[in-house]
PDB file of N, CA and C in Angstrom:
ATOM      1  N   UNK A   1       0.848  -1.181   0.000  1.00  0.00           N
ATOM      2  CA  UNK A   1       0.000   0.000   0.000  1.00  0.00           C
ATOM      3  C   UNK A   1       0.891   1.240   0.000  1.00  0.00           C
ATOM      4  N   UNK A   2       0.584   2.141  -0.868  1.00  0.00           N
ATOM      5  CA  UNK A   2       1.377   3.350  -0.987  1.00  0.00           C
ATOM      6  C   UNK A   2       0.648   4.510  -0.318  1.00  0.00           C
ATOM      7  N   UNK A   3       1.367   5.289   0.463  1.00  0.00           N
ATOM      8  CA  UNK A   3       0.789   6.424   1.163  1.00  0.00           C
ATOM      9  C   UNK A   3       1.195   7.697   0.448  1.00  0.00           C
ATOM     10  N   UNK A   4       0.208   8.500   0.148  1.00  0.00           N
ATOM     11  CA  UNK A   4       0.473   9.757  -0.540  1.00  0.00           C
ATOM     12  C   UNK A   4       0.613  10.864   0.499  1.00  0.00           C
ATOM     13  N   UNK A   5       1.700  11.626   0.432  1.00  0.00           N
ATOM     14  CA  UNK A   5       1.897  12.734   1.350  1.00  0.00           C
ATOM     15  C   UNK A   5       1.073  13.922   0.875  1.00  0.00           C
ATOM     16  N   UNK A   6       0.554  14.669   1.844  1.00  0.00           N
ATOM     17  CA  UNK A   6      -0.241  15.839   1.521  1.00  0.00           C
ATOM     18  C   UNK A   6       0.659  17.069   1.437  1.00  0.00           C
ATOM     19  N   UNK A   7       0.310  17.998   0.582  1.00  0.00           N
ATOM     20  CA  UNK A   7       1.106  19.214   0.404  1.00  0.00           C
ATOM     21  C   UNK A   7       0.839  20.248   1.498  1.00  0.00           C
ATOM     22  N   UNK A   8      -0.328  20.196   2.091  1.00  0.00           N
ATOM     23  CA  UNK A   8      -0.723  21.202   3.063  1.00  0.00           C
ATOM     24  C   UNK A   8      -0.169  20.833   4.448  1.00  0.00           C
ATOM     25  N   UNK A   9       0.811  21.581   4.925  1.00  0.00           N
ATOM     26  CA  UNK A   9       1.438  21.320   6.219  1.00  0.00           C
ATOM     27  C   UNK A   9       0.495  21.602   7.390  1.00  0.00           C
ATOM     28  N   UNK A  10      -0.520  22.431   7.176  1.00  0.00           N
ATOM     29  CA  UNK A  10      -1.474  22.738   8.248  1.00  0.00           C
ATOM     30  C   UNK A  10      -2.220  21.487   8.702  1.00  0.00           C
ATOM     31  N   UNK A  11      -2.451  20.557   7.815  1.00  0.00           N
ATOM     32  CA  UNK A  11      -3.135  19.313   8.170  1.00  0.00           C
ATOM     33  C   UNK A  11      -2.289  18.526   9.170  1.00  0.00           C
ATOM     34  N   UNK A  12      -0.979  18.451   8.926  1.00  0.00           N
ATOM     35  CA  UNK A  12      -0.083  17.725   9.827  1.00  0.00           C
ATOM     36  C   UNK A  12       0.026  18.435  11.177  1.00  0.00           C
ATOM     37  N   UNK A  13       0.063  19.751  11.152  1.00  0.00           N
ATOM     38  CA  UNK A  13       0.136  20.520  12.403  1.00  0.00           C
ATOM     39  C   UNK A  13      -1.137  20.329  13.222  1.00  0.00           C
ATOM     40  N   UNK A  14      -2.276  20.351  12.560  1.00  0.00           N
ATOM     41  CA  UNK A  14      -3.547  20.158  13.252  1.00  0.00           C
ATOM     42  C   UNK A  14      -3.641  18.756  13.829  1.00  0.00           C
ATOM     43  N   UNK A  15      -3.222  17.769  13.065  1.00  0.00           N
ATOM     44  CA  UNK A  15      -3.254  16.387  13.538  1.00  0.00           C
ATOM     45  C   UNK A  15      -2.341  16.215  14.748  1.00  0.00           C
ATOM     46  N   UNK A  16      -1.166  16.805  14.713  1.00  0.00           N
ATOM     47  CA  UNK A  16      -0.231  16.732  15.831  1.00  0.00           C
ATOM     48  C   UNK A  16      -0.815  17.410  17.069  1.00  0.00           C
ATOM     49  N   UNK A  17      -1.424  18.565  16.879  1.00  0.00           N
ATOM     50  CA  UNK A  17      -2.057  19.278  17.995  1.00  0.00           C
ATOM     51  C   UNK A  17      -3.171  18.436  18.618  1.00  0.00           C
ATOM     52  N   UNK A  18      -3.996  17.837  17.779  1.00  0.00           N
ATOM     53  CA  UNK A  18      -5.111  17.028  18.284  1.00  0.00           C
ATOM     54  C   UNK A  18      -4.598  15.798  19.033  1.00  0.00           C
ATOM     55  N   UNK A  19      -3.580  15.137  18.508  1.00  0.00           N
ATOM     56  CA  UNK A  19      -3.018  13.967  19.184  1.00  0.00           C
ATOM     57  C   UNK A  19      -2.469  14.343  20.560  1.00  0.00           C
ATOM     58  N   UNK A  20      -1.769  15.454  20.650  1.00  0.00           N
ATOM     59  CA  UNK A  20      -1.250  15.903  21.946  1.00  0.00           C
ATOM     60  C   UNK A  20      -2.382  16.220  22.909  1.00  0.00           C
ATOM     61  N   UNK A  21      -3.422  16.823  22.408  1.00  0.00           N
ATOM     62  CA  UNK A  21      -4.582  17.148  23.234  1.00  0.00           C
ATOM     63  C   UNK A  21      -5.248  15.876  23.756  1.00  0.00           C
ATOM     64  N   UNK A  22      -5.419  14.884  22.892  1.00  0.00           N
ATOM     65  CA  UNK A  22      -6.039  13.614  23.298  1.00  0.00           C
ATOM     66  C   UNK A  22      -5.172  12.878  24.311  1.00  0.00           C
ATOM     67  N   UNK A  23      -3.857  12.855  24.093  1.00  0.00           N
ATOM     68  CA  UNK A  23      -2.953  12.189  25.050  1.00  0.00           C
ATOM     69  C   UNK A  23      -3.049  12.828  26.432  1.00  0.00           C
ATOM     70  N   UNK A  24      -3.097  14.149  26.464  1.00  0.00           N
ATOM     71  CA  UNK A  24      -3.199  14.863  27.735  1.00  0.00           C
ATOM     72  C   UNK A  24      -4.526  14.538  28.421  1.00  0.00           C
ATOM     73  N   UNK A  25      -5.615  14.483  27.670  1.00  0.00           N
ATOM     74  CA  UNK A  25      -6.927  14.174  28.246  1.00  0.00           C
ATOM     75  C   UNK A  25      -6.954  12.758  28.819  1.00  0.00           C
ATOM     76  N   UNK A  26      -6.357  11.805  28.117  1.00  0.00           N
ATOM     77  CA  UNK A  26      -6.318  10.419  28.602  1.00  0.00           C
ATOM     78  C   UNK A  26      -5.478  10.334  29.868  1.00  0.00           C
ATOM     79  N   UNK A  27      -4.346  11.013  29.886  1.00  0.00           N
ATOM     80  CA  UNK A  27      -3.473  11.006  31.065  1.00  0.00           C
ATOM     81  C   UNK A  27      -4.207  11.583  32.280  1.00  0.00           C
ATOM     82  N   UNK A  28      -4.922  12.672  32.080  1.00  0.00           N
ATOM     83  CA  UNK A  28      -5.675  13.281  33.176  1.00  0.00           C
ATOM     84  C   UNK A  28      -6.803  12.367  33.653  1.00  0.00           C
ATOM     85  N   UNK A  29      -7.478  11.698  32.731  1.00  0.00           N
ATOM     86  CA  UNK A  29      -8.562  10.784  33.104  1.00  0.00           C
ATOM     87  C   UNK A  29      -8.019   9.608  33.916  1.00  0.00           C
ATOM     88  N   UNK A  30      -6.856   9.097  33.545  1.00  0.00           N
ATOM     89  CA  UNK A  30      -6.246   8.008  34.309  1.00  0.00           C
ATOM     90  C   UNK A  30      -5.902   8.455  35.719  1.00  0.00           C
ATOM     91  N   UNK A  31      -5.393   9.664  35.868  1.00  0.00           N
ATOM     92  CA  UNK A  31      -5.068  10.190  37.189  1.00  0.00           C
ATOM     93  C   UNK A  31      -6.321  10.343  38.056  1.00  0.00           C
ATOM     94  N   UNK A  32      -7.405  10.803  37.463  1.00  0.00           N
ATOM     95  CA  UNK A  32      -8.668  10.940  38.205  1.00  0.00           C
ATOM     96  C   UNK A  32      -9.140   9.572  38.676  1.00  0.00           C
ATOM     97  N   UNK A  33      -9.025   8.557  37.798  1.00  0.00           N
ATOM     98  CA  UNK A  33      -9.413   7.201  38.188  1.00  0.00           C
ATOM     99  C   UNK A  33      -8.573   6.709  39.358  1.00  0.00           C
ATOM    100  N   UNK A  34      -7.264   6.930  39.306  1.00  0.00           N
ATOM    101  CA  UNK A  34      -6.391   6.488  40.399  1.00  0.00           C
ATOM    102  C   UNK A  34      -6.765   7.167  41.711  1.00  0.00           C
ATOM    103  N   UNK A  35      -7.004   8.469  41.648  1.00  0.00           N
ATOM    104  CA  UNK A  35      -7.360   9.212  42.864  1.00  0.00           C
ATOM    105  C   UNK A  35      -8.678   8.738  43.454  1.00  0.00           C
ATOM    106  N   UNK A  36      -9.589   8.274  42.604  1.00  0.00           N
ATOM    107  CA  UNK A  36     -10.895   7.805  43.065  1.00  0.00           C
ATOM    108  C   UNK A  36     -10.926   6.301  43.324  1.00  0.00           C
ATOM    109  N   UNK A  37      -9.782   5.641  43.212  1.00  0.00           N
ATOM    110  CA  UNK A  37      -9.707   4.214  43.503  1.00  0.00           C
ATOM    111  C   UNK A  37     -10.290   3.321  42.424  1.00  0.00           C
ATOM    112  N   UNK A  38     -10.355   3.801  41.189  1.00  0.00           N
ATOM    113  CA  UNK A  38     -10.909   3.020  40.088  1.00  0.00           C
ATOM    114  C   UNK A  38      -9.793   2.459  39.218  1.00  0.00           C
ATOM    115  N   UNK A  39      -9.999   1.269  38.650  1.00  0.00           N
ATOM    116  CA  UNK A  39      -8.978   0.692  37.774  1.00  0.00           C
ATOM    117  C   UNK A  39      -9.016   1.335  36.386  1.00  0.00           C
ATOM    118  N   UNK A  40      -7.855   1.352  35.741  1.00  0.00           N
ATOM    119  CA  UNK A  40      -7.753   1.775  34.341  1.00  0.00           C
ATOM    120  C   UNK A  40      -7.643   0.513  33.500  1.00  0.00           C
ATOM    121  N   UNK A  41      -8.424   0.431  32.437  1.00  0.00           N
ATOM    122  CA  UNK A  41      -8.343  -0.761  31.593  1.00  0.00           C
ATOM    123  C   UNK A  41      -7.662  -0.420  30.272  1.00  0.00           C
ATOM    124  N   UNK A  42      -7.011  -1.437  29.707  1.00  0.00           N
ATOM    125  CA  UNK A  42      -6.346  -1.294  28.423  1.00  0.00           C
ATOM    126  C   UNK A  42      -6.292  -2.654  27.754  1.00  0.00           C
ATOM    127  N   UNK A  43      -6.016  -2.650  26.446  1.00  0.00           N
ATOM    128  CA  UNK A  43      -6.023  -3.877  25.665  1.00  0.00           C
ATOM    129  C   UNK A  43      -4.668  -4.046  24.988  1.00  0.00           C
ATOM    130  N   UNK A  44      -4.115  -5.268  25.092  1.00  0.00           N
ATOM    131  CA  UNK A  44      -2.880  -5.618  24.396  1.00  0.00           C
ATOM    132  C   UNK A  44      -3.147  -6.910  23.628  1.00  0.00           C
ATOM    133  N   UNK A  45      -2.934  -6.861  22.321  1.00  0.00           N
ATOM    134  CA  UNK A  45      -3.170  -8.023  21.449  1.00  0.00           C
ATOM    135  C   UNK A  45      -4.555  -8.629  21.652  1.00  0.00           C
ATOM    136  N   UNK A  46      -5.547  -7.787  21.807  1.00  0.00           N
ATOM    137  CA  UNK A  46      -6.924  -8.255  21.933  1.00  0.00           C
ATOM    138  C   UNK A  46      -7.303  -8.748  23.315  1.00  0.00           C
ATOM    139  N   UNK A  47      -6.397  -8.680  24.265  1.00  0.00           N
ATOM    140  CA  UNK A  47      -6.686  -9.153  25.615  1.00  0.00           C
ATOM    141  C   UNK A  47      -6.776  -7.959  26.558  1.00  0.00           C
ATOM    142  N   UNK A  48      -7.837  -7.927  27.383  1.00  0.00           N
ATOM    143  CA  UNK A  48      -8.085  -6.802  28.274  1.00  0.00           C
ATOM    144  C   UNK A  48      -7.375  -7.003  29.609  1.00  0.00           C
ATOM    145  N   UNK A  49      -6.731  -5.928  30.076  1.00  0.00           N
ATOM    146  CA  UNK A  49      -6.051  -5.899  31.364  1.00  0.00           C
ATOM    147  C   UNK A  49      -6.559  -4.707  32.161  1.00  0.00           C
ATOM    148  N   UNK A  50      -6.368  -4.778  33.464  1.00  0.00           N
ATOM    149  CA  UNK A  50      -6.788  -3.698  34.352  1.00  0.00           C
ATOM    150  C   UNK A  50      -5.615  -3.298  35.234  1.00  0.00           C
ATOM    151  N   UNK A  51      -5.368  -2.008  35.327  1.00  0.00           N
ATOM    152  CA  UNK A  51      -4.343  -1.494  36.224  1.00  0.00           C
ATOM    153  C   UNK A  51      -5.046  -0.964  37.463  1.00  0.00           C
ATOM    154  N   UNK A  52      -4.757  -1.565  38.592  1.00  0.00           N
ATOM    155  CA  UNK A  52      -5.362  -1.155  39.848  1.00  0.00           C
ATOM    156  C   UNK A  52      -4.699   0.126  40.334  1.00  0.00           C
ATOM    157  N   UNK A  53      -5.355   0.869  41.225  1.00  0.00           N
ATOM    158  CA  UNK A  53      -4.786   2.122  41.715  1.00  0.00           C
ATOM    159  C   UNK A  53      -3.401   1.971  42.364  1.00  0.00           C
ATOM    160  N   UNK A  54      -3.093   0.775  42.880  1.00  0.00           N
ATOM    161  CA  UNK A  54      -1.768   0.554  43.479  1.00  0.00           C
ATOM    162  C   UNK A  54      -0.707   0.191  42.440  1.00  0.00           C
ATOM    163  N   UNK A  55      -1.078   0.131  41.153  1.00  0.00           N
ATOM    164  CA  UNK A  55      -0.149  -0.151  40.076  1.00  0.00           C
ATOM    165  C   UNK A  55      -0.127  -1.603  39.629  1.00  0.00           C
ATOM    166  N   UNK A  56      -0.814  -2.471  40.336  1.00  0.00           N
ATOM    167  CA  UNK A  56      -0.855  -3.894  39.982  1.00  0.00           C
ATOM    168  C   UNK A  56      -1.680  -4.090  38.708  1.00  0.00           C
ATOM    169  N   UNK A  57      -1.206  -4.980  37.824  1.00  0.00           N
ATOM    170  CA  UNK A  57      -1.905  -5.311  36.579  1.00  0.00           C
ATOM    171  C   UNK A  57      -2.577  -6.665  36.758  1.00  0.00           C
ATOM    172  N   UNK A  58      -3.887  -6.735  36.477  1.00  0.00           N
ATOM    173  CA  UNK A  58      -4.636  -7.984  36.600  1.00  0.00           C
ATOM    174  C   UNK A  58      -5.431  -8.218  35.320  1.00  0.00           C
ATOM    175  N   UNK A  59      -5.836  -9.482  35.104  1.00  0.00           N
ATOM    176  CA  UNK A  59      -6.603  -9.840  33.910  1.00  0.00           C
ATOM    177  C   UNK A  59      -8.099  -9.873  34.168  1.00  0.00           C
ATOM    178  N   UNK A  60      -8.513  -9.824  35.416  1.00  0.00           N
ATOM    179  CA  UNK A  60      -9.942  -9.870  35.729  1.00  0.00           C
ATOM    180  C   UNK A  60     -10.448  -8.461  36.031  1.00  0.00           C
ATOM    181  N   UNK A  61     -11.736  -8.262  35.839  1.00  0.00           N
ATOM    182  CA  UNK A  61     -12.350  -6.977  36.118  1.00  0.00           C
ATOM    183  C   UNK A  61     -12.576  -6.863  37.630  1.00  0.00           C
ATOM    184  N   UNK A  62     -11.869  -5.978  38.301  1.00  0.00           N
ATOM    185  CA  UNK A  62     -12.006  -5.860  39.745  1.00  0.00           C
ATOM    186  C   UNK A  62     -13.357  -5.278  40.166  1.00  0.00           C
ATOM    187  N   UNK A  63     -14.077  -4.691  39.263  1.00  0.00           N
ATOM    188  CA  UNK A  63     -15.379  -4.122  39.586  1.00  0.00           C
ATOM    189  C   UNK A  63     -16.511  -5.110  39.365  1.00  0.00           C
ATOM    190  N   UNK A  64     -16.196  -6.287  38.795  1.00  0.00           N
ATOM    191  CA  UNK A  64     -17.193  -7.310  38.542  1.00  0.00           C
ATOM    192  C   UNK A  64     -17.598  -7.948  39.880  1.00  0.00           C
ATOM    193  N   UNK A  65     -18.852  -7.854  40.231  1.00  0.00           N
ATOM    194  CA  UNK A  65     -19.319  -8.352  41.538  1.00  0.00           C
ATOM    195  C   UNK A  65     -19.331  -9.871  41.622  1.00  0.00           C
ATOM    196  N   UNK A  66     -19.217 -10.573  40.491  1.00  0.00           N
ATOM    197  CA  UNK A  66     -19.249 -12.029  40.498  1.00  0.00           C
ATOM    198  C   UNK A  66     -17.962 -12.621  41.047  1.00  0.00           C
ATOM    199  N   UNK A  67     -16.872 -11.896  41.001  1.00  0.00           N
ATOM    200  CA  UNK A  67     -15.561 -12.409  41.453  1.00  0.00           C
ATOM    201  C   UNK A  67     -15.426 -12.290  42.962  1.00  0.00           C
TER     202      UNK A  67
END
């Protein structure tokens, strides 16, 4: 697959700005979750993991009442 570069540099600047904005928002949301004692979830190779507020990584949902 061939990728065509765009001539308009403003598109790249806008995309970079938006990515930085999104990264900052995600980082802040993770911090709020930690402060409130909630786990952060993420996916690696299609498998879901949870980071507990103490930094421990687990494969089960800690908020699931069945466990």
